[in-house]
N, C-alpha and C. Protein backbone atom coordinates (compact mmCIF):
# COMPACT_ATOMS: atom_id res chain seq x y z
N MET A 1 0.79 -1.08 -0.23
CA MET A 1 0.16 0.08 0.01
C MET A 1 0.97 1.28 -0.21
N LEU A 2 1.92 1.06 0.85
CA LEU A 2 2.99 2.57 1.04
C LEU A 2 3.53 2.39 -0.50
N ARG A 3 4.11 1.64 -0.83
CA ARG A 3 4.85 1.71 -2.11
C ARG A 3 3.81 2.50 -3.63
N GLY A 4 2.60 2.00 -3.33
CA GLY A 4 1.32 2.23 -4.34
C GLY A 4 1.14 3.70 -4.22
N GLU A 5 1.26 4.22 -2.86
CA GLU A 5 1.01 5.75 -2.69
C GLU A 5 2.22 6.43 -2.90
N VAL A 6 3.41 6.01 -2.80
CA VAL A 6 4.53 7.05 -3.32
C VAL A 6 4.60 6.82 -5.02
N VAL A 7 4.35 5.70 -5.73
CA VAL A 7 4.47 5.66 -7.32
C VAL A 7 3.02 6.80 -7.29
N GLY A 8 1.86 6.89 -6.80
CA GLY A 8 0.92 7.35 -7.17
C GLY A 8 1.40 8.94 -7.37
N TYR A 9 2.38 9.08 -6.12
CA TYR A 9 2.36 10.53 -5.88
C TYR A 9 3.12 11.10 -6.98
N LEU A 10 4.07 9.88 -7.33
CA LEU A 10 5.35 10.63 -8.89
C LEU A 10 4.58 10.78 -9.44
N THR A 11 3.55 9.52 -10.05
CA THR A 11 2.73 9.76 -11.29
C THR A 11 1.91 10.63 -11.53
N GLY A 12 0.97 11.30 -10.34
CA GLY A 12 0.33 12.11 -10.35
C GLY A 12 1.01 13.67 -10.42
N MET A 13 1.75 13.84 -10.47
CA MET A 13 3.01 14.75 -10.60
C MET A 13 3.26 14.93 -11.94
N ASP A 14 3.11 13.85 -12.63
CA ASP A 14 3.54 13.72 -13.92
C ASP A 14 5.26 14.17 -14.30
N ALA A 15 5.53 13.45 -13.24
CA ALA A 15 7.15 13.83 -13.37
C ALA A 15 7.77 12.41 -13.29
N CYS A 16 9.06 12.55 -13.68
CA CYS A 16 10.24 11.20 -13.33
C CYS A 16 9.19 9.95 -14.04
N THR A 17 8.47 10.19 -15.17
CA THR A 17 7.61 8.93 -15.74
C THR A 17 8.55 7.86 -16.04
N GLY A 18 9.84 8.16 -16.57
CA GLY A 18 11.25 7.08 -16.87
C GLY A 18 11.19 6.47 -16.04
N ARG A 19 11.35 6.66 -14.48
CA ARG A 19 11.50 6.17 -13.49
C ARG A 19 10.68 5.35 -12.52
N THR A 20 9.52 5.37 -13.02
CA THR A 20 8.47 4.42 -12.33
C THR A 20 8.96 3.19 -11.61
N GLU A 21 9.26 2.55 -12.46
CA GLU A 21 9.58 1.19 -12.08
C GLU A 21 10.87 0.80 -10.87
N ASP A 22 11.82 1.99 -11.42
CA ASP A 22 13.21 1.96 -10.20
C ASP A 22 12.70 2.14 -8.87
N VAL A 23 11.89 3.89 -8.83
CA VAL A 23 11.04 3.51 -7.67
C VAL A 23 10.41 2.63 -6.81
N ARG A 24 9.38 2.18 -7.91
CA ARG A 24 8.67 1.25 -7.16
C ARG A 24 9.37 -0.13 -6.97
N LEU A 25 10.57 -0.83 -7.25
CA LEU A 25 11.56 -1.68 -6.60
C LEU A 25 12.34 -1.33 -5.81
N ALA A 26 12.73 -0.02 -5.73
CA ALA A 26 13.79 0.47 -4.53
C ALA A 26 12.75 0.85 -3.16
N VAL A 27 11.52 1.59 -3.34
CA VAL A 27 10.82 1.45 -2.34
C VAL A 27 10.46 0.42 -1.65
N SER A 28 9.81 -0.94 -2.46
CA SER A 28 9.25 -1.97 -2.10
C SER A 28 10.51 -2.49 -0.94
N GLU A 29 11.80 -2.43 -1.74
CA GLU A 29 12.87 -3.53 -1.07
C GLU A 29 13.25 -2.94 0.19
N ALA A 30 13.38 -1.13 0.45
CA ALA A 30 13.26 -0.70 1.61
C ALA A 30 12.38 -1.00 2.96
N LEU A 31 10.82 -0.57 2.04
CA LEU A 31 9.77 -1.16 2.99
C LEU A 31 10.01 -2.53 3.23
N SER A 32 10.55 -3.91 2.51
CA SER A 32 10.33 -4.98 2.76
C SER A 32 11.29 -5.33 4.23
N ASN A 33 12.98 -4.38 4.23
CA ASN A 33 13.93 -4.26 5.17
C ASN A 33 13.04 -4.27 6.24
N VAL A 34 12.49 -3.35 6.44
CA VAL A 34 11.50 -2.63 7.66
C VAL A 34 10.76 -3.64 8.12
N VAL A 35 9.95 -4.48 7.44
CA VAL A 35 9.19 -5.47 7.95
C VAL A 35 9.66 -6.41 8.43
N ILE A 36 10.56 -6.79 7.73
CA ILE A 36 11.16 -7.97 7.97
C ILE A 36 12.47 -7.76 9.20
N HIS A 37 13.39 -6.56 9.20
CA HIS A 37 14.23 -7.05 10.13
C HIS A 37 14.49 -5.82 11.15
N ALA A 38 13.75 -4.61 11.11
CA ALA A 38 13.75 -3.32 11.87
C ALA A 38 12.91 -3.72 13.23
N TYR A 39 12.14 -4.74 13.53
CA TYR A 39 11.38 -4.68 14.80
C TYR A 39 11.13 -6.23 15.30
N ARG A 40 12.18 -7.43 14.54
CA ARG A 40 12.47 -8.37 14.91
C ARG A 40 12.48 -8.88 16.34
N ASP A 41 13.31 -8.33 17.06
CA ASP A 41 13.28 -8.27 18.54
C ASP A 41 12.11 -7.93 19.58
N ARG A 42 10.85 -7.34 19.13
CA ARG A 42 9.67 -6.96 19.46
C ARG A 42 8.71 -8.20 19.19
N ASP A 43 7.88 -8.07 20.10
CA ASP A 43 6.70 -8.95 20.04
C ASP A 43 5.65 -7.95 19.36
N GLU A 44 5.55 -6.90 18.95
CA GLU A 44 4.77 -6.09 18.13
C GLU A 44 5.67 -4.98 17.23
N PRO A 45 4.82 -5.15 15.85
CA PRO A 45 6.02 -4.04 14.72
C PRO A 45 5.67 -2.74 15.49
N GLY A 46 6.44 -1.98 14.89
CA GLY A 46 6.98 -0.64 15.55
C GLY A 46 6.47 0.58 14.47
N ASP A 47 6.88 1.79 14.44
CA ASP A 47 6.18 2.53 13.32
C ASP A 47 7.42 2.61 12.12
N LEU A 48 6.63 2.90 11.10
CA LEU A 48 7.65 3.18 9.82
C LEU A 48 6.88 4.32 9.38
N GLU A 49 8.03 5.27 8.81
CA GLU A 49 7.48 6.91 7.88
C GLU A 49 8.16 6.66 6.84
N VAL A 50 7.43 7.20 6.00
CA VAL A 50 7.65 7.29 4.74
C VAL A 50 7.42 8.64 4.18
N SER A 51 8.14 9.51 3.22
CA SER A 51 7.86 10.59 3.03
C SER A 51 8.54 10.47 1.60
N ALA A 52 8.17 11.45 0.46
CA ALA A 52 8.59 11.82 -1.09
C ALA A 52 7.96 12.92 -1.03
N ALA A 53 9.20 13.64 -2.07
CA ALA A 53 9.33 14.88 -2.51
C ALA A 53 9.88 14.93 -4.15
N LEU A 54 9.50 15.84 -4.97
CA LEU A 54 10.10 16.15 -5.96
C LEU A 54 10.73 17.39 -5.62
N ARG A 55 12.29 17.58 -5.87
CA ARG A 55 12.79 18.72 -5.39
C ARG A 55 13.87 18.96 -7.09
N ASP A 56 13.90 19.94 -7.69
CA ASP A 56 14.94 20.48 -8.61
C ASP A 56 15.27 19.33 -9.26
N HIS A 57 14.29 18.51 -10.18
CA HIS A 57 14.33 17.22 -10.99
C HIS A 57 14.89 16.26 -10.47
N THR A 58 14.62 16.02 -8.85
CA THR A 58 14.98 14.82 -8.19
C THR A 58 14.04 14.46 -7.26
N PHE A 59 13.80 13.13 -7.49
CA PHE A 59 12.72 12.70 -6.84
C PHE A 59 13.43 12.12 -5.41
N GLU A 60 13.04 12.33 -4.56
CA GLU A 60 13.77 11.97 -3.31
C GLU A 60 12.87 10.94 -2.45
N VAL A 61 12.56 9.91 -2.03
CA VAL A 61 12.27 8.97 -0.92
C VAL A 61 12.44 8.67 0.09
N VAL A 62 12.34 8.71 1.48
CA VAL A 62 12.76 8.55 2.90
C VAL A 62 12.19 7.32 3.49
N VAL A 63 12.70 6.51 3.85
CA VAL A 63 11.65 5.17 4.74
C VAL A 63 12.76 5.13 6.16
N ARG A 64 12.21 5.20 7.09
CA ARG A 64 12.22 5.31 8.19
C ARG A 64 11.61 4.80 9.04
N ASP A 65 12.72 4.02 10.52
CA ASP A 65 11.77 3.08 11.28
C ASP A 65 12.66 3.29 12.72
N CYS A 66 11.96 2.89 13.74
CA CYS A 66 12.65 3.09 15.01
C CYS A 66 13.07 1.77 15.53
N GLY A 67 13.27 0.84 14.77
CA GLY A 67 13.65 -0.55 15.29
C GLY A 67 15.41 -0.90 15.48
N ILE A 68 15.81 -2.03 15.19
CA ILE A 68 16.87 -2.43 16.25
C ILE A 68 18.30 -1.74 15.25
N GLY A 69 18.00 -1.27 14.17
CA GLY A 69 19.17 -0.58 13.09
C GLY A 69 19.35 -1.80 12.68
N MET A 70 20.74 -1.68 11.72
CA MET A 70 21.48 -2.59 10.84
C MET A 70 21.88 -3.66 11.62
N ALA A 71 21.62 -4.58 12.00
CA ALA A 71 22.42 -5.21 12.77
C ALA A 71 22.23 -7.25 11.82
N PRO A 72 23.35 -8.02 11.96
CA PRO A 72 23.06 -8.69 11.03
C PRO A 72 22.23 -9.81 11.61
N CYS A 73 22.02 -10.62 10.81
CA CYS A 73 20.47 -11.67 10.92
C CYS A 73 20.80 -12.92 10.34
N ASP A 74 21.45 -13.89 11.41
CA ASP A 74 21.40 -14.89 10.67
C ASP A 74 20.24 -15.88 9.93
N ASP A 75 19.15 -15.83 10.76
CA ASP A 75 17.78 -16.31 10.10
C ASP A 75 17.18 -15.41 9.43
N SER A 76 17.72 -14.78 8.63
CA SER A 76 16.94 -13.92 7.79
C SER A 76 16.24 -14.70 6.44
N PRO A 77 14.57 -14.30 6.22
CA PRO A 77 14.50 -15.24 5.34
C PRO A 77 14.54 -14.51 3.85
N GLY A 78 15.26 -13.67 3.80
CA GLY A 78 15.77 -12.79 2.34
C GLY A 78 17.07 -13.26 2.34
N LEU A 79 17.39 -12.91 1.08
CA LEU A 79 18.44 -13.24 0.25
C LEU A 79 19.84 -12.38 0.41
N GLY A 80 19.55 -11.03 1.28
CA GLY A 80 20.40 -10.16 1.24
C GLY A 80 20.60 -9.55 0.09
N LEU A 81 19.56 -9.02 -0.44
CA LEU A 81 19.82 -8.50 -2.13
C LEU A 81 19.14 -7.09 -1.86
N GLY A 82 18.24 -6.70 -0.92
CA GLY A 82 17.65 -5.73 -0.95
C GLY A 82 18.43 -4.25 -1.22
N ILE A 83 19.56 -4.22 -0.29
CA ILE A 83 20.57 -2.80 -0.72
C ILE A 83 21.03 -3.04 -1.79
N PRO A 84 21.79 -3.94 -2.47
CA PRO A 84 22.38 -4.11 -3.64
C PRO A 84 21.00 -3.64 -4.62
N VAL A 85 19.89 -3.91 -4.89
CA VAL A 85 18.54 -3.82 -5.52
C VAL A 85 18.79 -1.89 -5.45
N ILE A 86 18.24 -1.46 -4.39
CA ILE A 86 18.53 -0.20 -4.21
C ILE A 86 19.31 0.57 -4.61
N GLU A 87 20.69 -0.06 -4.39
CA GLU A 87 21.82 0.72 -5.24
C GLU A 87 21.88 0.83 -6.60
N HIS A 88 20.91 -0.42 -7.39
CA HIS A 88 21.21 -0.33 -8.31
C HIS A 88 20.16 0.49 -9.19
N THR A 89 18.81 0.52 -8.51
CA THR A 89 17.77 1.35 -9.19
C THR A 89 17.53 2.88 -8.91
N THR A 90 18.33 3.35 -8.13
CA THR A 90 18.50 4.61 -7.34
C THR A 90 19.72 5.67 -8.21
N ASP A 91 19.62 6.53 -8.21
CA ASP A 91 20.83 7.47 -8.75
C ASP A 91 22.13 7.49 -7.27
N CYS A 92 21.59 7.72 -5.92
CA CYS A 92 22.30 8.09 -5.05
C CYS A 92 21.24 7.42 -3.88
N TYR A 93 22.31 6.77 -2.92
CA TYR A 93 21.45 6.62 -1.99
C TYR A 93 22.51 6.49 -0.73
N GLU A 94 21.59 6.62 0.60
CA GLU A 94 22.18 6.95 1.96
C GLU A 94 21.53 6.26 2.84
N ILE A 95 22.12 5.50 3.58
CA ILE A 95 21.52 5.01 4.81
C ILE A 95 22.32 5.27 6.14
N GLN A 96 21.20 6.00 7.16
CA GLN A 96 21.85 6.43 8.46
C GLN A 96 21.18 5.45 9.19
N CYS A 97 22.13 4.98 10.15
CA CYS A 97 21.76 4.16 11.06
C CYS A 97 22.75 4.71 12.72
N ALA A 98 22.20 4.85 13.70
CA ALA A 98 22.62 5.45 15.19
C ALA A 98 23.18 4.51 15.61
N ASP A 99 24.13 3.99 16.41
CA ASP A 99 24.34 2.96 17.38
C ASP A 99 23.00 2.70 18.18
N GLY A 100 23.16 1.42 18.61
CA GLY A 100 21.53 0.72 19.48
C GLY A 100 20.85 0.65 18.71
N SER A 101 19.90 0.70 19.25
CA SER A 101 18.53 0.25 18.76
C SER A 101 17.65 1.63 18.62
N THR A 102 17.83 2.53 17.64
CA THR A 102 17.50 3.79 17.41
C THR A 102 16.67 4.17 16.08
N GLY A 103 16.87 2.73 15.15
CA GLY A 103 16.21 3.00 14.04
C GLY A 103 17.26 3.02 12.99
N THR A 104 16.62 2.95 11.40
CA THR A 104 17.55 3.22 10.61
C THR A 104 16.53 4.45 9.34
N GLU A 105 17.18 5.05 8.72
CA GLU A 105 16.69 5.91 7.64
C GLU A 105 17.49 5.47 6.35
N ILE A 106 17.00 5.31 5.12
CA ILE A 106 17.44 5.35 3.93
C ILE A 106 16.81 6.06 3.49
N ARG A 107 17.69 7.15 2.66
CA ARG A 107 17.34 8.34 1.45
C ARG A 107 17.35 7.83 0.45
N MET A 108 16.44 7.81 -0.57
CA MET A 108 16.99 7.41 -1.97
C MET A 108 16.35 8.40 -2.81
N LEU A 109 17.62 8.75 -3.78
CA LEU A 109 17.24 9.96 -4.79
C LEU A 109 17.29 9.42 -6.48
N PHE A 110 16.37 9.58 -7.09
CA PHE A 110 16.37 9.61 -8.26
C PHE A 110 16.06 10.64 -9.29
N ASP A 111 17.33 10.88 -10.20
CA ASP A 111 16.99 12.03 -11.16
C ASP A 111 16.06 11.52 -12.26
N CYS A 112 15.38 12.75 -12.53
CA CYS A 112 14.45 12.73 -13.58
C CYS A 112 14.43 13.38 -14.59
């Protein structure tokens, strides 16, 4: 649902039309990482925040959680391809993760 909202926002602005699939895939991977990894140490899922904006021919999407941060996960159901997919589909990305359980933020930029 969130991925659809981000892509809908992008297409509704009639901007970056050639990047829709890249945005869809990168956002899907970022959201999946939160769902699978961010709150695995808790009984209940936590917050997930997504923002998107078009600035000077660059579409920016930020996915933020308050989970355990970037930590190794030996029992992950994934293949560990989320970040490489994001790297391949964006023009620039940045991951911020403070020490401890303060969450992760991934900022993805797509040139339009």
